[in-house]
């Protein structure tokens, strides 16, 4: 290994250590505002480091909005929130051209200028994304994929970083528009936010009724976030971890000879290649979160559920038998020996 490679490796090790320290401090700062939800915060950090997008699923009142805004404050990132409603139009989130009158040297003329929408932020909360029609959903998801917006034939780049955390209420289904599977596949992780424990709920009741407003201190800069996001793809991953990610994804397809019985019985369509990609990339981000120099099978196993559950299309028989996506992913894990 030459001197340049050694120097580059040394910088990566230093950045990895700084990444782990920064993430620990970030979790401490978020903990000043949000009680519990440590696993959800870890998944959010994995998503951030992997420069992906996440879908947060949970009933109202579980601090999903507060989580995202707190993380944005601690990282020094701009934060935008879009409340999705049935009458929301694509231009309401992406922006539109507006006609302005310009006075230049006494001559009044009209010209178009672009007025950016609320997604022109680093972290965007798409609240209750399933409450808006598919056309508006598609506009957001296209921006997520392309990281730019085209209006009037002109392409406008979104900020760097640009990441979306969308929320979905699993209870109310009337008047909603479920995301098609092809759009769900764009999310790196689907994270389920559960109720707090008994002790956590008591602390929530005390803290939120005290009249004190906790402050979030910034622990990293936007340049730190960019450097960490660039580091994650360079983190090595073991052959065994890649093999496990591919095996889990392929075994989720009912036509695969390696598919367990639960998949053959209850799954119509399994995860595509994006499932394998998501598992490997998220595993690298999880390793960076812990300050570990390489991603291993433990990282893949820990992320199998949030990375694969939303990529499965279950059959009507699964609904009739009360089988959920989490049950199928756990069956995949058992068949793979994890």
Protein backbone atom coordinates (compact mmCIF):
# COMPACT_ATOMS: atom_id res chain seq x y z
CA UNK A 1 0.00 0.00 0.00
CA UNK A 2 1.53 3.34 -1.06
CA UNK A 3 1.73 6.49 1.05
CA UNK A 4 -1.32 8.09 -0.58
CA UNK A 5 -3.49 5.04 0.13
CA UNK A 6 -2.24 4.90 3.72
CA UNK A 7 -3.00 8.57 4.23
CA UNK A 8 -6.50 8.13 2.78
CA UNK A 9 -7.09 5.09 5.00
CA UNK A 10 -5.93 7.05 8.05
CA UNK A 11 -8.36 9.89 7.25
CA UNK A 12 -11.22 7.41 6.89
CA UNK A 13 -10.41 5.85 10.29
CA UNK A 14 -10.39 9.28 11.92
CA UNK A 15 -13.66 10.20 10.24
CA UNK A 16 -15.18 6.88 11.32
CA UNK A 17 -14.26 7.57 14.95
CA UNK A 18 -15.63 11.11 14.68
CA UNK A 19 -18.83 9.71 13.15
CA UNK A 20 -19.37 7.34 16.08
CA UNK A 21 -18.71 10.13 18.62
CA UNK A 22 -21.02 12.52 16.80
CA UNK A 23 -23.83 9.97 16.64
CA UNK A 24 -23.54 9.25 20.36
CA UNK A 25 -23.76 12.97 21.13
CA UNK A 26 -26.68 13.35 18.75
CA UNK A 27 -28.63 10.58 20.50
CA UNK A 28 -27.96 12.28 23.84
CA UNK A 29 -29.29 15.60 22.53
CA UNK A 30 -32.40 14.01 21.02
CA UNK A 31 -32.95 12.22 24.35
CA UNK A 32 -33.34 15.63 26.02
CA UNK A 33 -36.49 16.17 23.98
CA UNK A 34 -37.79 12.71 23.05
CA UNK A 35 -38.20 10.07 25.75
CA UNK A 36 -37.25 6.53 24.68
CA UNK A 37 -37.54 5.44 21.03
CA UNK A 38 -33.81 4.62 21.02
CA UNK A 39 -34.20 1.92 18.36
CA UNK A 40 -36.13 4.32 16.12
CA UNK A 41 -33.39 6.94 16.53
CA UNK A 42 -30.78 4.33 15.56
CA UNK A 43 -32.72 3.47 12.40
CA UNK A 44 -33.04 7.17 11.58
CA UNK A 45 -29.29 7.62 11.93
CA UNK A 46 -28.67 4.61 9.71
CA UNK A 47 -30.94 6.20 7.10
CA UNK A 48 -29.15 9.55 7.40
CA UNK A 49 -25.66 8.07 7.08
CA UNK A 50 -26.76 5.94 4.11
CA UNK A 51 -28.27 9.06 2.49
CA UNK A 52 -31.57 7.25 2.06
CA UNK A 53 -35.19 7.90 2.95
CA UNK A 54 -37.33 6.25 5.62
CA UNK A 55 -41.01 5.57 6.20
CA UNK A 56 -42.11 5.97 9.84
CA UNK A 57 -45.24 3.99 10.69
CA UNK A 58 -47.10 4.58 13.93
CA UNK A 59 -50.25 5.89 15.52
CA UNK A 60 -50.55 9.66 16.19
CA UNK A 61 -48.85 11.14 19.23
CA UNK A 62 -45.65 9.06 19.26
CA UNK A 63 -43.32 12.03 18.61
CA UNK A 64 -42.50 11.19 14.99
CA UNK A 65 -42.50 14.85 13.95
CA UNK A 66 -40.52 15.85 17.05
CA UNK A 67 -37.95 13.15 16.33
CA UNK A 68 -37.24 14.37 12.81
CA UNK A 69 -37.14 18.07 13.74
CA UNK A 70 -34.87 17.33 16.73
CA UNK A 71 -32.42 15.39 14.57
CA UNK A 72 -32.38 18.25 12.05
CA UNK A 73 -31.63 20.77 14.82
CA UNK A 74 -28.83 18.66 16.28
CA UNK A 75 -27.22 18.32 12.85
CA UNK A 76 -27.65 21.93 11.79
CA UNK A 77 -29.82 20.91 8.84
CA UNK A 78 -32.75 22.86 7.45
CA UNK A 79 -36.11 21.25 8.21
CA UNK A 80 -39.32 21.29 6.21
CA UNK A 81 -42.69 19.76 6.97
CA UNK A 82 -45.45 18.98 4.48
CA UNK A 83 -48.87 17.97 5.81
CA UNK A 84 -50.30 15.73 3.11
CA UNK A 85 -54.02 16.17 2.41
CA UNK A 86 -56.36 14.93 -0.36
CA UNK A 87 -56.34 18.34 -2.08
CA UNK A 88 -52.55 18.76 -2.11
CA UNK A 89 -51.12 19.30 -5.61
CA UNK A 90 -47.61 18.40 -6.86
CA UNK A 91 -46.74 22.10 -7.23
CA UNK A 92 -47.61 22.60 -3.54
CA UNK A 93 -44.57 20.56 -2.56
CA UNK A 94 -42.14 20.98 -5.46
CA UNK A 95 -42.74 24.67 -6.19
CA UNK A 96 -43.90 26.53 -9.27
CA UNK A 97 -43.08 29.36 -11.66
CA UNK A 98 -44.66 32.70 -10.75
CA UNK A 99 -45.07 35.82 -12.91
CA UNK A 100 -43.35 38.90 -11.51
CA UNK A 101 -43.19 42.49 -12.68
CA UNK A 102 -39.64 43.79 -12.82
CA UNK A 103 -38.80 47.50 -13.02
CA UNK A 104 -35.52 47.81 -14.91
CA UNK A 105 -34.41 51.40 -15.65
CA UNK A 106 -37.98 52.66 -15.69
CA UNK A 107 -39.18 49.91 -18.03
CA UNK A 108 -41.68 47.53 -16.49
CA UNK A 109 -41.57 44.02 -17.85
CA UNK A 110 -42.89 40.67 -16.73
CA UNK A 111 -40.79 37.57 -16.21
CA UNK A 112 -41.17 34.14 -14.69
CA UNK A 113 -39.25 33.17 -11.60
CA UNK A 114 -39.21 29.90 -9.70
CA UNK A 115 -40.72 29.84 -6.22
CA UNK A 116 -39.35 26.78 -4.44
CA UNK A 117 -41.64 24.46 -2.50
CA UNK A 118 -41.23 23.10 1.04
CA UNK A 119 -39.16 20.11 -0.12
CA UNK A 120 -36.19 22.41 -0.76
CA UNK A 121 -34.82 21.57 2.70
CA UNK A 122 -32.22 19.10 3.97
CA UNK A 123 -34.64 17.06 6.05
CA UNK A 124 -38.26 16.91 4.94
CA UNK A 125 -41.07 15.40 6.98
CA UNK A 126 -43.83 14.14 4.66
CA UNK A 127 -46.59 13.83 7.23
CA UNK A 128 -49.25 11.17 6.51
CA UNK A 129 -48.05 10.58 2.98
CA UNK A 130 -50.90 8.13 2.33
CA UNK A 131 -53.49 10.93 2.65
CA UNK A 132 -52.68 12.49 -0.72
CA UNK A 133 -53.51 11.16 -4.20
CA UNK A 134 -50.96 9.11 -6.19
CA UNK A 135 -50.09 12.04 -8.48
CA UNK A 136 -48.77 14.10 -5.58
CA UNK A 137 -47.12 11.06 -3.97
CA UNK A 138 -45.33 10.39 -7.26
CA UNK A 139 -44.05 13.98 -7.44
CA UNK A 140 -42.43 13.63 -4.03
CA UNK A 141 -41.04 10.17 -4.70
CA UNK A 142 -39.59 11.28 -8.03
CA UNK A 143 -37.80 14.11 -6.24
CA UNK A 144 -36.53 11.57 -3.70
CA UNK A 145 -35.12 9.40 -6.46
CA UNK A 146 -33.72 12.09 -8.77
CA UNK A 147 -32.85 14.65 -6.05
CA UNK A 148 -33.99 17.45 -8.33
CA UNK A 149 -37.23 19.04 -9.51
CA UNK A 150 -38.12 20.03 -13.07
CA UNK A 151 -40.63 22.88 -13.48
CA UNK A 152 -41.34 24.57 -16.79
CA UNK A 153 -38.55 22.67 -18.49
CA UNK A 154 -35.94 23.91 -16.00
CA UNK A 155 -34.30 21.49 -13.55
CA UNK A 156 -33.64 22.73 -10.01
CA UNK A 157 -31.27 20.77 -7.78
CA UNK A 158 -32.42 19.94 -4.27
CA UNK A 159 -30.15 20.70 -1.28
CA UNK A 160 -27.31 18.38 -0.33
CA UNK A 161 -28.10 16.43 1.74
CA UNK A 162 -31.77 15.93 0.87
CA UNK A 163 -33.62 13.20 2.74
CA UNK A 164 -37.27 12.47 3.37
CA UNK A 165 -38.87 10.92 6.43
CA UNK A 166 -42.47 10.11 5.59
CA UNK A 167 -45.06 9.10 8.18
CA UNK A 168 -48.02 6.79 7.77
CA UNK A 169 -50.89 6.26 10.18
CA UNK A 170 -51.67 2.50 10.24
CA UNK A 171 -55.09 2.93 11.86
CA UNK A 172 -57.16 5.21 9.65
CA UNK A 173 -57.64 3.78 6.16
CA UNK A 174 -60.75 5.68 5.06
CA UNK A 175 -59.92 8.44 2.61
CA UNK A 176 -56.31 7.32 2.18
CA UNK A 177 -54.29 6.37 -0.89
CA UNK A 178 -51.87 3.52 -0.07
CA UNK A 179 -48.46 3.83 -1.68
CA UNK A 180 -47.92 1.45 -4.60
CA UNK A 181 -45.26 -1.18 -4.06
CA UNK A 182 -42.97 0.41 -6.66
CA UNK A 183 -43.02 3.62 -4.63
CA UNK A 184 -42.55 1.90 -1.29
CA UNK A 185 -39.41 0.34 -2.76
CA UNK A 186 -37.83 3.81 -2.88
CA UNK A 187 -37.59 3.94 0.92
CA UNK A 188 -34.43 2.49 2.42
CA UNK A 189 -36.17 1.45 5.66
CA UNK A 190 -39.68 1.15 7.03
CA UNK A 191 -39.50 1.90 10.75
CA UNK A 192 -42.41 1.09 13.05
CA UNK A 193 -42.76 3.43 16.02
CA UNK A 194 -44.30 1.64 19.01
CA UNK A 195 -45.93 2.87 22.20
CA UNK A 196 -43.54 3.91 25.01
CA UNK A 197 -43.00 1.69 28.02
CA UNK A 198 -44.76 2.35 31.33
CA UNK A 199 -41.78 4.21 32.83
CA UNK A 200 -41.19 6.17 29.62
CA UNK A 201 -44.81 7.29 29.47
CA UNK A 202 -44.65 8.53 33.07
CA UNK A 203 -41.54 10.54 32.17
CA UNK A 204 -43.30 11.93 29.08
CA UNK A 205 -46.27 13.01 31.22
CA UNK A 206 -43.94 14.77 33.68
CA UNK A 207 -41.63 16.39 31.14
CA UNK A 208 -44.22 17.72 28.70
CA UNK A 209 -46.41 19.29 31.39
CA UNK A 210 -43.63 21.03 33.34
CA UNK A 211 -43.65 24.20 31.25
CA UNK A 212 -39.92 23.85 30.57
CA UNK A 213 -38.84 23.87 26.92
CA UNK A 214 -35.71 21.75 26.40
CA UNK A 215 -33.12 23.00 23.94
CA UNK A 216 -31.31 21.00 21.30
CA UNK A 217 -27.62 21.81 20.95
CA UNK A 218 -26.04 21.41 17.52
CA UNK A 219 -23.45 18.61 17.68
CA UNK A 220 -22.43 18.35 14.00
CA UNK A 221 -22.31 20.65 11.00
CA UNK A 222 -23.78 20.12 7.56
CA UNK A 223 -20.24 19.56 6.23
CA UNK A 224 -19.76 16.80 8.83
CA UNK A 225 -22.96 15.16 7.61
CA UNK A 226 -21.79 15.32 3.99
CA UNK A 227 -18.40 13.80 4.84
CA UNK A 228 -20.02 10.98 6.81
CA UNK A 229 -22.45 10.27 3.99
CA UNK A 230 -19.52 10.06 1.57
CA UNK A 231 -17.64 7.74 3.94
CA UNK A 232 -20.35 5.08 4.26
CA UNK A 233 -20.06 3.63 0.71
CA UNK A 234 -16.29 3.26 1.25
CA UNK A 235 -16.73 1.11 4.35
CA UNK A 236 -15.75 -2.52 3.59
CA UNK A 237 -18.33 -5.28 3.89
CA UNK A 238 -17.54 -8.96 4.37
CA UNK A 239 -18.39 -11.50 1.69
CA UNK A 240 -20.54 -13.34 4.23
CA UNK A 241 -22.60 -10.20 4.85
CA UNK A 242 -23.21 -9.66 1.13
CA UNK A 243 -24.10 -13.33 0.75
CA UNK A 244 -26.61 -13.08 3.60
CA UNK A 245 -28.21 -9.92 2.18
CA UNK A 246 -28.65 -11.52 -1.24
CA UNK A 247 -29.88 -14.79 0.24
CA UNK A 248 -32.53 -13.03 2.34
CA UNK A 249 -33.74 -10.96 -0.60
CA UNK A 250 -33.89 -13.89 -3.04
CA UNK A 251 -35.55 -16.19 -0.49
CA UNK A 252 -38.38 -13.63 -0.12
CA UNK A 253 -39.57 -14.50 -3.64
CA UNK A 254 -42.13 -17.33 -3.64
CA UNK A 255 -40.78 -18.85 -6.87
CA UNK A 256 -37.28 -19.22 -5.37
CA UNK A 257 -36.25 -22.79 -4.46
CA UNK A 258 -34.76 -21.39 -1.23
CA UNK A 259 -37.99 -19.70 -0.15
CA UNK A 260 -39.30 -20.96 3.22
CA UNK A 261 -42.82 -22.34 3.47
CA UNK A 262 -44.18 -19.08 4.92
CA UNK A 263 -43.04 -17.20 1.82
CA UNK A 264 -44.57 -19.72 -0.57
CA UNK A 265 -47.86 -19.61 1.35
CA UNK A 266 -48.26 -15.92 2.07
CA UNK A 267 -46.13 -13.83 -0.34
CA UNK A 268 -47.22 -12.84 -3.85
CA UNK A 269 -44.11 -10.84 -4.75
CA UNK A 270 -40.82 -10.66 -2.86
CA UNK A 271 -38.06 -8.08 -2.62
CA UNK A 272 -36.21 -7.09 -5.79
CA UNK A 273 -32.51 -6.26 -6.13
CA UNK A 274 -33.11 -3.00 -4.22
CA UNK A 275 -33.69 -5.17 -1.16
CA UNK A 276 -30.16 -6.58 -1.35
CA UNK A 277 -28.73 -3.14 -2.05
CA UNK A 278 -30.60 -1.60 0.87
CA UNK A 279 -29.41 -4.29 3.26
CA UNK A 280 -25.74 -3.90 2.32
CA UNK A 281 -25.79 -0.09 2.36
CA UNK A 282 -27.72 0.07 5.64
CA UNK A 283 -25.32 -2.47 7.16
CA UNK A 284 -22.40 -0.20 6.25
CA UNK A 285 -24.19 2.76 7.84
CA UNK A 286 -24.84 0.74 11.00
CA UNK A 287 -21.15 -0.14 11.21
CA UNK A 288 -20.26 3.55 10.87
CA UNK A 289 -22.78 4.39 13.58
CA UNK A 290 -20.88 2.07 15.94
CA UNK A 291 -17.43 3.15 14.75
CA UNK A 292 -16.68 -0.32 13.33
CA UNK A 293 -14.35 -0.47 10.34
CA UNK A 294 -16.33 -3.09 8.37
CA UNK A 295 -19.92 -4.26 8.07
CA UNK A 296 -20.61 -7.88 8.98
CA UNK A 297 -23.46 -10.39 9.08
CA UNK A 298 -24.65 -9.00 12.43
CA UNK A 299 -25.34 -5.65 10.78
CA UNK A 300 -27.33 -7.28 7.97
CA UNK A 301 -29.29 -9.43 10.42
CA UNK A 302 -30.16 -6.40 12.60
CA UNK A 303 -31.59 -4.52 9.61
CA UNK A 304 -33.41 -7.33 7.80
CA UNK A 305 -36.83 -6.40 9.17
CA UNK A 306 -36.91 -2.64 8.42
CA UNK A 307 -35.12 -3.10 5.08
CA UNK A 308 -37.35 -5.88 3.70
CA UNK A 309 -40.81 -5.67 5.27
CA UNK A 310 -42.17 -2.96 2.96
CA UNK A 311 -40.81 -4.73 -0.13
CA UNK A 312 -43.05 -7.77 0.36
CA UNK A 313 -46.48 -8.02 -1.26
CA UNK A 314 -48.54 -10.36 0.89
CA UNK A 315 -51.43 -12.46 -0.39
CA UNK A 316 -55.06 -12.39 0.70
CA UNK A 317 -54.40 -15.65 2.52
CA UNK A 318 -51.89 -13.86 4.75
CA UNK A 319 -54.54 -11.30 5.69
CA UNK A 320 -57.07 -14.05 6.38
CA UNK A 321 -54.60 -15.97 8.56
CA UNK A 322 -53.39 -12.85 10.38
CA UNK A 323 -49.85 -13.15 9.02
CA UNK A 324 -47.91 -9.86 8.90
CA UNK A 325 -44.86 -8.80 6.96
CA UNK A 326 -42.78 -9.00 10.15
CA UNK A 327 -43.74 -12.67 10.56
CA UNK A 328 -42.54 -13.45 7.05
CA UNK A 329 -39.22 -11.61 7.53
CA UNK A 330 -38.61 -13.50 10.76
CA UNK A 331 -39.28 -16.75 8.90
CA UNK A 332 -36.69 -15.64 6.32
CA UNK A 333 -34.23 -15.05 9.13
CA UNK A 334 -34.82 -18.49 10.61
CA UNK A 335 -34.31 -20.12 7.22
CA UNK A 336 -31.02 -18.22 6.86
CA UNK A 337 -29.88 -19.20 10.34
CA UNK A 338 -30.07 -15.77 11.98
